[in-house]
């Protein structure tokens, strides 16, 4: 909510579908960030072995 500057009142006024869509988007972004982090760690690790 902070990232989007939504107050609790704004969040409460979203219907269940809107909330579900927002939560799914956040989950997808988190999964992508974890994937990119693992890839960066893998690349860093392979560079250190050279």
N, C-alpha and C. Protein backbone atom coordinates (compact mmCIF):
# COMPACT_ATOMS: atom_id res chain seq x y z
N UNK A 1 0.81 -1.18 0.00
CA UNK A 1 0.00 0.00 0.00
C UNK A 1 0.87 1.26 0.00
N UNK A 2 1.97 1.20 0.73
CA UNK A 2 2.82 2.38 0.79
C UNK A 2 3.41 2.72 -0.56
N UNK A 3 3.81 1.72 -1.31
CA UNK A 3 4.41 1.95 -2.62
C UNK A 3 3.45 2.68 -3.56
N UNK A 4 2.19 2.39 -3.43
CA UNK A 4 1.19 3.00 -4.30
C UNK A 4 0.51 4.20 -3.65
N UNK A 5 0.93 4.54 -2.43
CA UNK A 5 0.39 5.68 -1.69
C UNK A 5 -1.10 5.53 -1.42
N UNK A 6 -1.51 4.29 -1.13
CA UNK A 6 -2.90 4.03 -0.80
C UNK A 6 -3.06 4.08 0.71
N UNK A 7 -4.08 4.76 1.14
CA UNK A 7 -4.41 4.77 2.57
C UNK A 7 -5.25 3.53 2.86
N UNK A 8 -5.38 3.17 4.12
CA UNK A 8 -6.23 2.03 4.45
C UNK A 8 -7.67 2.21 3.95
N UNK A 9 -8.14 3.44 3.95
CA UNK A 9 -9.50 3.69 3.48
C UNK A 9 -9.64 3.36 2.00
N UNK A 10 -8.61 3.67 1.22
CA UNK A 10 -8.64 3.34 -0.22
C UNK A 10 -8.67 1.83 -0.38
N UNK A 11 -7.83 1.13 0.37
CA UNK A 11 -7.77 -0.33 0.26
C UNK A 11 -9.11 -0.95 0.62
N UNK A 12 -9.73 -0.46 1.66
CA UNK A 12 -11.03 -0.99 2.10
C UNK A 12 -12.08 -0.81 1.01
N UNK A 13 -11.98 0.27 0.25
CA UNK A 13 -12.99 0.55 -0.77
C UNK A 13 -12.81 -0.29 -2.04
N UNK A 14 -11.69 -0.99 -2.19
CA UNK A 14 -11.55 -1.89 -3.33
C UNK A 14 -12.47 -3.09 -3.11
N UNK A 15 -13.05 -3.59 -4.22
CA UNK A 15 -13.87 -4.79 -4.06
C UNK A 15 -12.93 -6.01 -4.04
N UNK A 16 -13.49 -7.18 -3.78
CA UNK A 16 -12.67 -8.38 -3.62
C UNK A 16 -11.90 -8.74 -4.88
N UNK A 17 -12.48 -8.52 -6.05
CA UNK A 17 -11.77 -8.81 -7.30
C UNK A 17 -10.57 -7.89 -7.48
N UNK A 18 -10.75 -6.62 -7.15
CA UNK A 18 -9.65 -5.66 -7.27
C UNK A 18 -8.52 -6.03 -6.31
N UNK A 19 -8.88 -6.38 -5.09
CA UNK A 19 -7.88 -6.78 -4.10
C UNK A 19 -7.15 -8.03 -4.57
N UNK A 20 -7.88 -8.99 -5.11
CA UNK A 20 -7.27 -10.23 -5.59
C UNK A 20 -6.30 -9.94 -6.73
N UNK A 21 -6.68 -9.07 -7.63
CA UNK A 21 -5.81 -8.71 -8.75
C UNK A 21 -4.54 -8.03 -8.25
N UNK A 22 -4.67 -7.14 -7.31
CA UNK A 22 -3.51 -6.44 -6.75
C UNK A 22 -2.58 -7.43 -6.05
N UNK A 23 -3.14 -8.31 -5.24
CA UNK A 23 -2.34 -9.29 -4.51
C UNK A 23 -1.64 -10.23 -5.48
N UNK A 24 -2.34 -10.67 -6.52
CA UNK A 24 -1.73 -11.55 -7.52
C UNK A 24 -0.58 -10.84 -8.23
N UNK A 25 -0.75 -9.57 -8.54
CA UNK A 25 0.32 -8.81 -9.19
C UNK A 25 1.54 -8.69 -8.30
N UNK A 26 1.30 -8.45 -7.02
CA UNK A 26 2.41 -8.36 -6.07
C UNK A 26 3.12 -9.70 -5.95
N UNK A 27 2.36 -10.79 -5.88
CA UNK A 27 2.95 -12.13 -5.81
C UNK A 27 3.81 -12.42 -7.04
N UNK A 28 3.30 -12.04 -8.21
CA UNK A 28 4.05 -12.27 -9.44
C UNK A 28 5.35 -11.47 -9.45
N UNK A 29 5.26 -10.22 -9.00
CA UNK A 29 6.46 -9.38 -8.96
C UNK A 29 7.48 -9.94 -7.98
N UNK A 30 7.01 -10.40 -6.81
CA UNK A 30 7.92 -10.99 -5.83
C UNK A 30 8.60 -12.24 -6.37
N UNK A 31 7.85 -13.07 -7.08
CA UNK A 31 8.42 -14.28 -7.66
C UNK A 31 9.48 -13.92 -8.70
N UNK A 32 9.22 -12.93 -9.52
CA UNK A 32 10.17 -12.50 -10.53
C UNK A 32 11.43 -11.92 -9.88
N UNK A 33 11.26 -11.16 -8.82
CA UNK A 33 12.41 -10.59 -8.12
C UNK A 33 13.27 -11.70 -7.50
N UNK A 34 12.63 -12.72 -6.93
CA UNK A 34 13.38 -13.85 -6.37
C UNK A 34 14.14 -14.58 -7.46
N UNK A 35 13.50 -14.77 -8.59
CA UNK A 35 14.12 -15.43 -9.72
C UNK A 35 15.35 -14.65 -10.19
N UNK A 36 15.22 -13.34 -10.31
CA UNK A 36 16.34 -12.50 -10.74
C UNK A 36 17.45 -12.51 -9.70
N UNK A 37 17.11 -12.53 -8.41
CA UNK A 37 18.11 -12.57 -7.36
C UNK A 37 18.90 -13.88 -7.42
N UNK A 38 18.21 -15.00 -7.61
CA UNK A 38 18.89 -16.29 -7.71
C UNK A 38 19.81 -16.33 -8.92
N UNK A 39 19.34 -15.75 -10.04
CA UNK A 39 20.14 -15.71 -11.26
C UNK A 39 21.40 -14.87 -11.03
N UNK A 40 21.25 -13.73 -10.36
CA UNK A 40 22.40 -12.87 -10.07
C UNK A 40 23.39 -13.58 -9.15
N UNK A 41 22.87 -14.29 -8.15
CA UNK A 41 23.75 -15.05 -7.24
C UNK A 41 24.47 -16.16 -7.99
N UNK A 42 23.76 -16.83 -8.89
CA UNK A 42 24.37 -17.91 -9.67
C UNK A 42 25.48 -17.35 -10.55
N UNK A 43 25.23 -16.22 -11.18
CA UNK A 43 26.25 -15.62 -12.05
C UNK A 43 27.45 -15.16 -11.25
N UNK A 44 27.20 -14.57 -10.08
CA UNK A 44 28.30 -14.12 -9.22
C UNK A 44 29.13 -15.30 -8.75
N UNK A 45 28.46 -16.39 -8.43
CA UNK A 45 29.15 -17.57 -7.95
C UNK A 45 30.00 -18.19 -9.07
N UNK A 46 29.46 -18.21 -10.29
CA UNK A 46 30.22 -18.81 -11.38
C UNK A 46 31.40 -17.94 -11.76
N UNK A 47 31.32 -16.64 -11.60
CA UNK A 47 32.44 -15.75 -11.89
C UNK A 47 33.55 -15.94 -10.88
N UNK A 48 33.21 -16.22 -9.63
CA UNK A 48 34.22 -16.36 -8.60
C UNK A 48 35.00 -17.66 -8.74
N UNK A 49 34.46 -18.62 -9.47
CA UNK A 49 35.14 -19.91 -9.65
C UNK A 49 36.10 -19.88 -10.82
N UNK A 50 36.13 -18.82 -11.57
CA UNK A 50 37.03 -18.75 -12.74
C UNK A 50 38.41 -18.37 -12.36
